[in-house]
Amino acid sequence: MNARLPVAQTCRAVLQDRAGPPGPAAKPRIALIGAPLDLGAGRRGVDMGVSAIRFANLGQRLSELGYAVEDLGNLLVEQPERAPAGPTTAHFLPQIASACARLAEIVEAAARAHKLPLVLGGDHSVAIGTIAGVAKHLRAKRQSLGLIWIDAHADMNTPETSPSGNVHGMPLACCIGQGPRELTHHYNYAPKVDPAHVALVGVREVDQLEKPHVRNSGVRAFTMRDIDERGLPAIMKEAIRIASEGTAGFHVSLDMDVVDPHEAPGVGTAVRGGITYREAHLAMELICDSRRMTSMEVVEVNPVIDEANRTAILAVELVMSAMGKRIL
């Protein structure tokens, strides 16, 4: 399905009044939202990641875990072949801004109806819309949002620093108020998340001009060296603390390229040296244990370069761990 979602009718979803998915005794309803945006990256194919994840039985498996799942279908987005590329420093900026604004409305409406939004990308630009919607919902209740951004890349370029002009390298910067106003000021305010409440986990490839943005932003970045030296459990516990203290809970933005390409070959921008299969599951299990997750998205699955849908299957497995699946 690729029709625009009628917000007033179909978005009756998202957050619990208390933050985060609880344990097995009291599970929130889940609003599953497809966002097949493929305008923010240089390589095509991540728009098909939405279907690949659904094909890996995400909805059914969540239901088997005891959740009530409402699949809201897919956001209608422009196709690159039919849209002008626009500014060279931020390709397809108007189209991405429009798609993210519509996604924010859907997510925010779902949150008001006490469902947990689970957004399937698409390239990582969709996070701008997801986070805007969740943050707006909490802002109306005079609460703030934390953020755990799990990614091989910092995603903190701006049009002035980006070597490619691809917006999927800018969304975290936009969420903390840096970047084009069309992307930073949905609902006419910025930032959507205080940088002091943001943890960036798993980063291992940062553009040269992007590095000062990361260092000076107030975001706490945990690189792969940090994970190697301190171990993933210590890093995740600190990330959860950063995103939880002083907030109503945190959003989880999971880019599948954080996992090593040996385990996740079908991603938008693969980088060697990522976290292992078990580390990825442990990260999600610790997030679930915290009972502080408000919402989640999974992005950058590219079936065009995948192997037998392995990356989408892993994405489903990781969502399941974040939602409470346990070995025993």
Protein backbone atom coordinates (compact mmCIF):
# COMPACT_ATOMS: atom_id res chain seq x y z
CA MET A 1 0.00 0.00 0.00
CA ASN A 2 1.36 3.42 -0.90
CA ALA A 3 -1.53 5.79 -0.30
CA ARG A 4 -1.42 8.88 1.84
CA LEU A 5 -2.71 8.10 5.30
CA PRO A 6 -5.90 9.99 6.27
CA VAL A 7 -4.58 11.43 9.51
CA ALA A 8 -7.89 12.24 11.16
CA GLN A 9 -9.32 8.78 10.50
CA THR A 10 -6.49 6.26 10.68
CA CYS A 11 -4.00 7.76 13.12
CA ARG A 12 -5.40 6.91 16.50
CA ALA A 13 -2.02 6.03 18.04
CA VAL A 14 1.24 6.04 19.98
CA LEU A 15 2.63 6.78 23.40
CA GLN A 16 1.55 5.50 26.74
CA ASP A 17 1.08 8.16 29.37
CA ARG A 18 3.95 6.55 31.23
CA ALA A 19 7.00 6.35 28.99
CA GLY A 20 8.20 3.26 27.26
CA PRO A 21 7.06 -0.25 26.50
CA PRO A 22 6.43 -2.04 29.77
CA GLY A 23 7.01 -5.67 30.56
CA PRO A 24 4.85 -8.54 29.37
CA ALA A 25 2.01 -7.77 31.81
CA ALA A 26 0.88 -4.53 30.17
CA LYS A 27 1.82 -3.99 26.55
CA PRO A 28 0.98 -0.81 24.62
CA ARG A 29 -0.71 -0.88 21.25
CA ILE A 30 1.67 -0.37 18.35
CA ALA A 31 1.09 1.87 15.34
CA LEU A 32 3.13 0.52 12.43
CA ILE A 33 3.91 3.28 9.91
CA GLY A 34 5.74 2.80 6.62
CA ALA A 35 7.85 5.72 5.39
CA PRO A 36 9.43 4.58 2.08
CA LEU A 37 11.45 7.75 1.58
CA ASP A 38 14.30 7.30 -0.91
CA LEU A 39 15.24 10.92 -1.55
CA GLY A 40 17.89 11.47 1.11
CA ALA A 41 20.54 8.99 -0.02
CA GLY A 42 22.84 8.67 -3.02
CA ARG A 43 22.12 4.98 -3.63
CA ARG A 44 18.59 3.87 -4.50
CA GLY A 45 16.70 0.99 -2.91
CA VAL A 46 15.92 1.79 0.72
CA ASP A 47 12.31 2.62 -0.15
CA MET A 48 11.86 -1.12 -0.67
CA GLY A 49 13.13 -1.77 2.86
CA VAL A 50 9.65 -1.06 4.21
CA SER A 51 8.17 -3.95 2.23
CA ALA A 52 11.14 -6.19 3.04
CA ILE A 53 10.62 -5.70 6.78
CA ARG A 54 6.90 -6.34 6.50
CA PHE A 55 7.64 -9.42 4.37
CA ALA A 56 9.79 -10.69 7.24
CA ASN A 57 6.55 -10.90 9.28
CA LEU A 58 7.10 -8.01 11.67
CA GLY A 59 3.40 -7.44 12.35
CA GLN A 60 2.63 -11.10 12.94
CA ARG A 61 5.61 -11.60 15.21
CA LEU A 62 4.70 -8.58 17.31
CA SER A 63 1.18 -9.95 17.62
CA GLU A 64 2.59 -13.28 18.78
CA LEU A 65 4.49 -11.36 21.44
CA GLY A 66 1.16 -10.10 22.76
CA TYR A 67 0.92 -6.66 21.15
CA ALA A 68 -2.11 -5.23 19.40
CA VAL A 69 -0.70 -3.96 16.11
CA GLU A 70 -2.39 -1.50 13.77
CA ASP A 71 -0.60 -1.20 10.44
CA LEU A 72 -1.32 2.26 9.08
CA GLY A 73 0.15 1.55 5.67
CA ASN A 74 2.69 3.74 3.90
CA LEU A 75 3.23 7.46 3.72
CA LEU A 76 2.92 8.77 0.17
CA VAL A 77 6.32 10.12 -0.92
CA GLU A 78 7.77 11.56 -4.10
CA GLN A 79 9.89 9.35 -6.33
CA PRO A 80 13.35 10.67 -7.32
CA GLU A 81 12.64 10.08 -11.01
CA ARG A 82 9.67 12.45 -10.90
CA ALA A 83 11.07 15.18 -8.63
CA PRO A 84 13.63 17.92 -9.34
CA ALA A 85 16.81 17.32 -7.36
CA GLY A 86 16.84 20.92 -6.14
CA PRO A 87 19.80 22.47 -4.28
CA THR A 88 23.12 20.67 -4.65
CA THR A 89 23.86 21.17 -0.96
CA ALA A 90 20.63 19.45 0.14
CA HIS A 91 19.11 17.31 -2.62
CA PHE A 92 15.30 17.08 -2.74
CA LEU A 93 14.99 19.40 0.25
CA PRO A 94 11.38 20.56 -0.41
CA GLN A 95 10.14 17.02 -1.03
CA ILE A 96 11.86 15.63 2.06
CA ALA A 97 10.55 18.49 4.20
CA SER A 98 7.01 17.88 2.96
CA ALA A 99 7.18 14.12 3.59
CA CYS A 100 8.60 14.63 7.09
CA ALA A 101 5.88 17.17 7.92
CA ARG A 102 3.19 14.66 6.95
CA LEU A 103 4.92 11.89 8.88
CA ALA A 104 5.16 14.13 11.96
CA GLU A 105 1.38 14.67 11.86
CA ILE A 106 0.74 10.94 11.64
CA VAL A 107 3.11 10.12 14.50
CA GLU A 108 1.83 12.95 16.70
CA ALA A 109 -1.79 11.91 16.15
CA ALA A 110 -0.89 8.33 16.96
CA ALA A 111 0.83 9.43 20.16
CA ARG A 112 -2.28 11.23 21.31
CA ALA A 113 -4.17 7.95 21.00
CA HIS A 114 -1.72 6.17 23.31
CA LYS A 115 -0.03 3.92 20.77
CA LEU A 116 3.67 3.36 20.37
CA PRO A 117 4.80 4.51 16.91
CA LEU A 118 7.05 2.10 15.07
CA VAL A 119 8.24 3.72 11.83
CA LEU A 120 9.81 1.68 9.03
CA GLY A 121 12.16 3.50 6.63
CA GLY A 122 13.22 4.46 4.09
CA ASP A 123 16.38 6.49 4.44
CA HIS A 124 17.32 8.09 7.76
CA SER A 125 15.78 11.43 6.77
CA VAL A 126 12.46 10.03 8.03
CA ALA A 127 13.72 10.47 11.59
CA ILE A 128 13.15 14.22 11.23
CA GLY A 129 9.42 13.58 10.90
CA THR A 130 9.16 10.81 13.46
CA ILE A 131 10.98 12.75 16.17
CA ALA A 132 9.08 15.96 15.41
CA GLY A 133 5.79 14.12 15.93
CA VAL A 134 6.78 12.46 19.20
CA ALA A 135 8.38 15.65 20.53
CA LYS A 136 5.28 17.68 19.68
CA HIS A 137 3.08 15.25 21.59
CA LEU A 138 5.26 15.48 24.67
CA ARG A 139 5.64 19.26 24.37
CA ALA A 140 1.86 19.61 24.62
CA LYS A 141 2.15 17.87 27.99
CA ARG A 142 5.12 20.06 29.02
CA GLN A 143 7.46 17.10 28.74
CA SER A 144 10.65 16.58 26.77
CA LEU A 145 12.03 13.75 24.66
CA GLY A 146 15.34 11.93 24.89
CA LEU A 147 16.99 10.24 21.92
CA ILE A 148 19.23 7.21 21.38
CA TRP A 149 20.60 7.33 17.84
CA ILE A 150 22.23 4.02 16.88
CA ASP A 151 24.21 4.43 13.68
CA ALA A 152 27.55 3.93 11.95
CA HIS A 153 27.40 7.60 10.94
CA ALA A 154 26.95 10.76 12.98
CA ASP A 155 24.27 12.17 10.63
CA MET A 156 25.23 15.65 11.83
CA ASN A 157 26.20 17.33 8.57
CA THR A 158 24.53 20.52 7.42
CA PRO A 159 24.26 21.74 3.82
CA GLU A 160 27.42 23.78 4.44
CA THR A 161 29.51 20.76 5.50
CA SER A 162 28.01 17.84 3.59
CA PRO A 163 30.35 16.47 0.90
CA SER A 164 27.43 14.85 -0.94
CA GLY A 165 24.38 17.02 -0.31
CA ASN A 166 22.47 13.90 0.75
CA VAL A 167 19.99 14.76 3.49
CA HIS A 168 20.20 11.31 5.12
CA GLY A 169 23.54 12.54 6.48
CA MET A 170 21.84 15.49 8.24
CA PRO A 171 18.83 14.31 10.29
CA LEU A 172 20.39 14.22 13.76
CA ALA A 173 21.69 17.76 13.25
CA CYS A 174 18.18 18.82 12.23
CA CYS A 175 16.62 17.23 15.31
CA ILE A 176 18.86 19.31 17.58
CA GLY A 177 18.11 22.48 15.61
CA GLN A 178 21.01 22.68 13.15
CA GLY A 179 20.34 22.72 9.42
CA PRO A 180 17.76 24.02 6.95
CA ARG A 181 14.80 25.69 8.60
CA GLU A 182 12.46 23.56 6.47
CA LEU A 183 13.73 20.54 8.41
CA THR A 184 14.49 21.99 11.84
CA HIS A 185 11.32 24.00 12.46
CA HIS A 186 8.38 21.65 11.95
CA TYR A 187 5.61 22.97 14.22
CA ASN A 188 7.54 26.28 14.28
CA TYR A 189 10.00 25.48 17.03
CA ALA A 190 13.47 24.00 17.44
CA PRO A 191 15.23 21.99 18.65
CA LYS A 192 12.97 18.97 18.92
CA VAL A 193 15.45 17.31 21.29
CA ASP A 194 17.88 18.98 23.68
CA PRO A 195 21.39 17.80 22.67
CA ALA A 196 22.11 17.07 26.34
CA HIS A 197 19.49 14.31 26.13
CA VAL A 198 20.94 12.68 22.99
CA ALA A 199 23.26 9.67 22.86
CA LEU A 200 24.86 8.63 19.55
CA VAL A 201 25.96 4.98 19.67
CA GLY A 202 28.14 2.95 17.30
CA VAL A 203 29.54 5.76 15.16
CA ARG A 204 32.62 4.86 13.13
CA GLU A 205 32.52 7.04 9.99
CA VAL A 206 32.34 10.83 10.34
CA ASP A 207 33.00 13.39 7.58
CA GLN A 208 35.91 15.75 8.22
CA LEU A 209 33.83 18.95 8.35
CA GLU A 210 31.15 17.15 10.35
CA LYS A 211 33.46 16.32 13.25
CA PRO A 212 33.32 19.80 14.87
CA HIS A 213 29.51 19.64 14.77
CA VAL A 214 29.60 16.42 16.77
CA ARG A 215 32.23 17.63 19.23
CA ASN A 216 30.57 20.99 19.89
CA SER A 217 26.91 19.99 19.76
CA GLY A 218 26.37 18.75 23.30
CA VAL A 219 25.40 15.31 21.95
CA ARG A 220 27.24 12.47 23.70
CA ALA A 221 28.85 10.34 20.99
CA PHE A 222 30.00 6.79 21.72
CA THR A 223 32.27 5.55 18.95
CA MET A 224 33.19 1.97 18.12
CA ARG A 225 36.42 2.55 20.01
CA ASP A 226 34.38 3.35 23.12
CA ILE A 227 32.43 0.11 22.62
CA ASP A 228 35.66 -1.84 22.08
CA GLU A 229 37.29 -0.40 25.21
CA ARG A 230 34.35 -0.31 27.62
CA GLY A 231 31.99 -2.95 26.26
CA LEU A 232 28.53 -2.49 24.84
CA PRO A 233 26.60 -2.99 28.13
CA ALA A 234 28.37 -0.07 29.82
CA ILE A 235 27.87 2.15 26.77
CA MET A 236 24.17 1.35 26.46
CA LYS A 237 23.51 1.88 30.16
CA GLU A 238 25.12 5.32 29.95
CA ALA A 239 23.22 6.12 26.75
CA ILE A 240 19.94 5.16 28.43
CA ARG A 241 20.78 7.37 31.42
CA ILE A 242 21.58 10.35 29.17
CA ALA A 243 18.34 9.96 27.21
CA SER A 244 16.20 9.30 30.30
CA GLU A 245 17.24 11.87 32.89
CA GLY A 246 14.94 14.88 32.75
CA THR A 247 12.79 13.44 29.95
CA ALA A 248 9.52 11.57 29.62
CA GLY A 249 11.40 8.77 27.87
CA PHE A 250 13.41 8.33 24.70
CA HIS A 251 12.99 7.62 21.03
CA VAL A 252 15.20 4.93 19.46
CA SER A 253 16.45 5.59 15.93
CA LEU A 254 18.06 2.41 14.63
CA ASP A 255 20.05 2.56 11.40
CA MET A 256 20.80 -1.00 10.36
CA ASP A 257 24.26 0.02 9.14
CA VAL A 258 25.39 0.08 12.79
CA VAL A 259 25.64 -3.70 12.52
CA ASP A 260 28.72 -5.08 10.81
CA PRO A 261 28.11 -5.74 7.08
CA HIS A 262 28.96 -9.42 7.65
CA GLU A 263 25.61 -9.68 9.47
CA ALA A 264 23.71 -6.87 7.73
CA PRO A 265 24.87 -6.62 4.10
CA GLY A 266 21.76 -4.89 2.74
CA VAL A 267 22.06 -1.35 4.07
CA GLY A 268 22.18 2.09 2.53
CA THR A 269 25.80 2.88 3.42
CA ALA A 270 27.78 -0.07 4.75
CA VAL A 271 30.86 0.48 6.91
CA ARG A 272 33.17 -2.29 8.10
CA GLY A 273 33.80 -2.80 11.80
CA GLY A 274 30.30 -2.55 13.22
CA ILE A 275 28.67 -4.14 16.24
CA THR A 276 28.07 -7.87 16.20
CA TYR A 277 24.80 -9.78 15.96
CA ARG A 278 24.74 -10.42 19.71
CA GLU A 279 25.76 -6.86 20.60
CA ALA A 280 22.88 -5.55 18.52
CA HIS A 281 20.43 -7.79 20.35
CA LEU A 282 21.87 -6.87 23.73
CA ALA A 283 21.49 -3.16 22.94
CA MET A 284 17.81 -3.71 22.17
CA GLU A 285 17.29 -5.91 25.24
CA LEU A 286 18.79 -3.27 27.52
CA ILE A 287 16.57 -0.62 25.94
CA CYS A 288 13.53 -2.78 26.64
CA ASP A 289 14.64 -3.45 30.22
CA SER A 290 14.80 0.29 30.86
CA ARG A 291 11.04 0.62 30.20
CA ARG A 292 11.72 4.13 28.91
CA MET A 293 11.32 3.78 25.14
CA THR A 294 8.55 5.97 23.77
CA SER A 295 8.86 5.19 20.07
CA MET A 296 11.16 3.60 17.51
CA GLU A 297 12.16 3.60 13.88
CA VAL A 298 14.24 1.20 11.79
CA VAL A 299 15.85 2.62 8.66
CA GLU A 300 18.24 2.09 5.74
CA VAL A 301 17.40 -1.52 4.83
CA ASN A 302 18.23 -1.92 1.13
CA PRO A 303 16.90 -5.16 -0.38
CA VAL A 304 18.58 -4.39 -3.73
CA ILE A 305 21.98 -5.28 -2.29
CA ASP A 306 20.82 -7.67 0.44
CA GLU A 307 21.24 -11.46 0.55
CA ALA A 308 17.98 -13.43 0.83
CA ASN A 309 16.40 -10.63 2.89
CA ARG A 310 18.92 -11.21 5.70
CA THR A 311 19.06 -7.58 6.79
CA ALA A 312 15.30 -7.15 6.96
CA ILE A 313 15.00 -10.39 8.93
CA LEU A 314 17.63 -9.11 11.35
CA ALA A 315 15.77 -5.79 11.62
CA VAL A 316 12.65 -7.68 12.67
CA GLU A 317 14.63 -9.71 15.20
CA LEU A 318 16.07 -6.52 16.72
CA VAL A 319 12.65 -4.88 16.95
CA MET A 320 11.41 -8.00 18.71
CA SER A 321 14.21 -7.76 21.27
CA ALA A 322 13.42 -4.07 21.83
CA MET A 323 9.78 -5.00 22.38
CA GLY A 324 10.44 -7.71 24.94
CA LYS A 325 11.31 -11.00 23.25
CA ARG A 326 13.62 -13.02 25.50
CA ILE A 327 15.58 -16.24 25.20
CA LEU A 328 13.82 -17.66 28.28
